[in-house]
Amino acid sequence: MMDTVETLYKKYIASLGFDIQSGCAVPSITTQVLLAFYQEVLYRQSSAVNDTVTADQLLRFTFENYA
């Protein structure tokens, strides 16, 4: 299985929410990594790039490594 752009975004928002609840002054490494993956997937899926193979690999990686 793999994430979708929507589930990856939800993971990012959940992680950011946890950071805020925990009183973090800056986003945690996990939150920053999830945002980077989200942005990269959007870039890879854009019509200018259209690299669905890499986007799918990134989505599979986040599904397997980020709860």
C-alpha atoms as a PDB file:
ATOM      1  CA  MET A   1       0.000   0.000   0.000  1.00  0.00           C
ATOM      2  CA  MET A   2       0.955   3.643  -0.132  1.00  0.00           C
ATOM      3  CA  ASP A   3      -0.215   7.021   1.063  1.00  0.00           C
ATOM      4  CA  THR A   4      -2.127   9.455  -1.063  1.00  0.00           C
ATOM      5  CA  VAL A   5      -1.403  13.176  -1.179  1.00  0.00           C
ATOM      6  CA  GLU A   6      -4.392  13.626   1.137  1.00  0.00           C
ATOM      7  CA  THR A   7      -3.248  11.083   3.738  1.00  0.00           C
ATOM      8  CA  LEU A   8       0.288  12.473   3.653  1.00  0.00           C
ATOM      9  CA  TYR A   9      -1.090  15.973   4.236  1.00  0.00           C
ATOM     10  CA  LYS A  10      -3.207  14.677   7.142  1.00  0.00           C
ATOM     11  CA  LYS A  11      -0.093  13.100   8.686  1.00  0.00           C
ATOM     12  CA  TYR A  12       1.689  16.434   8.395  1.00  0.00           C
ATOM     13  CA  ILE A  13      -1.209  18.342  10.006  1.00  0.00           C
ATOM     14  CA  ALA A  14      -1.504  15.766  12.793  1.00  0.00           C
ATOM     15  CA  SER A  15       2.216  16.007  13.502  1.00  0.00           C
ATOM     16  CA  LEU A  16       2.048  19.803  13.493  1.00  0.00           C
ATOM     17  CA  GLY A  17      -0.930  19.680  15.867  1.00  0.00           C
ATOM     18  CA  PHE A  18       0.990  17.412  18.217  1.00  0.00           C
ATOM     19  CA  ASP A  19       3.921  19.844  18.150  1.00  0.00           C
ATOM     20  CA  ILE A  20       1.613  22.737  19.050  1.00  0.00           C
ATOM     21  CA  GLN A  21      -0.050  20.771  21.859  1.00  0.00           C
ATOM     22  CA  SER A  22       3.369  19.818  23.186  1.00  0.00           C
ATOM     23  CA  GLY A  23       4.399  23.462  23.273  1.00  0.00           C
ATOM     24  CA  CYS A  24       7.153  23.175  20.679  1.00  0.00           C
ATOM     25  CA  ALA A  25       8.494  26.564  19.600  1.00  0.00           C
ATOM     26  CA  VAL A  26       9.421  25.170  16.173  1.00  0.00           C
ATOM     27  CA  PRO A  27       8.083  22.186  14.232  1.00  0.00           C
ATOM     28  CA  SER A  28       9.671  18.859  15.117  1.00  0.00           C
ATOM     29  CA  ILE A  29      11.964  17.031  12.731  1.00  0.00           C
ATOM     30  CA  THR A  30       9.134  14.612  11.920  1.00  0.00           C
ATOM     31  CA  THR A  31       6.824  17.495  11.027  1.00  0.00           C
ATOM     32  CA  GLN A  32       9.490  19.115   8.869  1.00  0.00           C
ATOM     33  CA  VAL A  33      10.204  15.827   7.086  1.00  0.00           C
ATOM     34  CA  LEU A  34       6.516  15.195   6.417  1.00  0.00           C
ATOM     35  CA  LEU A  35       6.163  18.698   4.976  1.00  0.00           C
ATOM     36  CA  ALA A  36       9.201  18.128   2.761  1.00  0.00           C
ATOM     37  CA  PHE A  37       7.750  14.830   1.487  1.00  0.00           C
ATOM     38  CA  TYR A  38       4.376  16.489   0.869  1.00  0.00           C
ATOM     39  CA  GLN A  39       5.947  19.336  -1.087  1.00  0.00           C
ATOM     40  CA  GLU A  40       8.127  16.961  -3.095  1.00  0.00           C
ATOM     41  CA  VAL A  41       5.169  14.743  -4.004  1.00  0.00           C
ATOM     42  CA  LEU A  42       3.167  17.772  -5.154  1.00  0.00           C
ATOM     43  CA  TYR A  43       6.138  18.901  -7.235  1.00  0.00           C
ATOM     44  CA  ARG A  44       6.622  15.443  -8.778  1.00  0.00           C
ATOM     45  CA  GLN A  45       2.917  15.171  -9.599  1.00  0.00           C
ATOM     46  CA  SER A  46       2.735  18.647 -11.146  1.00  0.00           C
ATOM     47  CA  SER A  47       2.045  18.882 -14.853  1.00  0.00           C
ATOM     48  CA  ALA A  48       5.441  20.533 -15.385  1.00  0.00           C
ATOM     49  CA  VAL A  49       7.304  17.495 -14.012  1.00  0.00           C
ATOM     50  CA  ASN A  50       4.833  14.596 -14.247  1.00  0.00           C
ATOM     51  CA  ASP A  51       7.103  12.098 -12.472  1.00  0.00           C
ATOM     52  CA  THR A  52       4.508   9.749 -11.024  1.00  0.00           C
ATOM     53  CA  VAL A  53       7.020   6.933 -10.489  1.00  0.00           C
ATOM     54  CA  THR A  54       9.061   8.979  -8.011  1.00  0.00           C
ATOM     55  CA  ALA A  55       5.924  10.456  -6.429  1.00  0.00           C
ATOM     56  CA  ASP A  56       4.551   6.958  -5.861  1.00  0.00           C
ATOM     57  CA  GLN A  57       7.860   5.822  -4.356  1.00  0.00           C
ATOM     58  CA  LEU A  58       7.761   8.740  -1.925  1.00  0.00           C
ATOM     59  CA  LEU A  59       4.139   8.005  -1.005  1.00  0.00           C
ATOM     60  CA  ARG A  60       4.973   4.338  -0.431  1.00  0.00           C
ATOM     61  CA  PHE A  61       7.938   5.311   1.755  1.00  0.00           C
ATOM     62  CA  THR A  62       5.843   7.620   3.940  1.00  0.00           C
ATOM     63  CA  PHE A  63       3.162   4.946   4.310  1.00  0.00           C
ATOM     64  CA  GLU A  64       5.740   2.405   5.471  1.00  0.00           C
ATOM     65  CA  ASN A  65       7.777   4.717   7.722  1.00  0.00           C
ATOM     66  CA  TYR A  66       5.481   7.397   9.152  1.00  0.00           C
ATOM     67  CA  ALA A  67       2.434   6.452  11.198  1.00  0.00           C
END
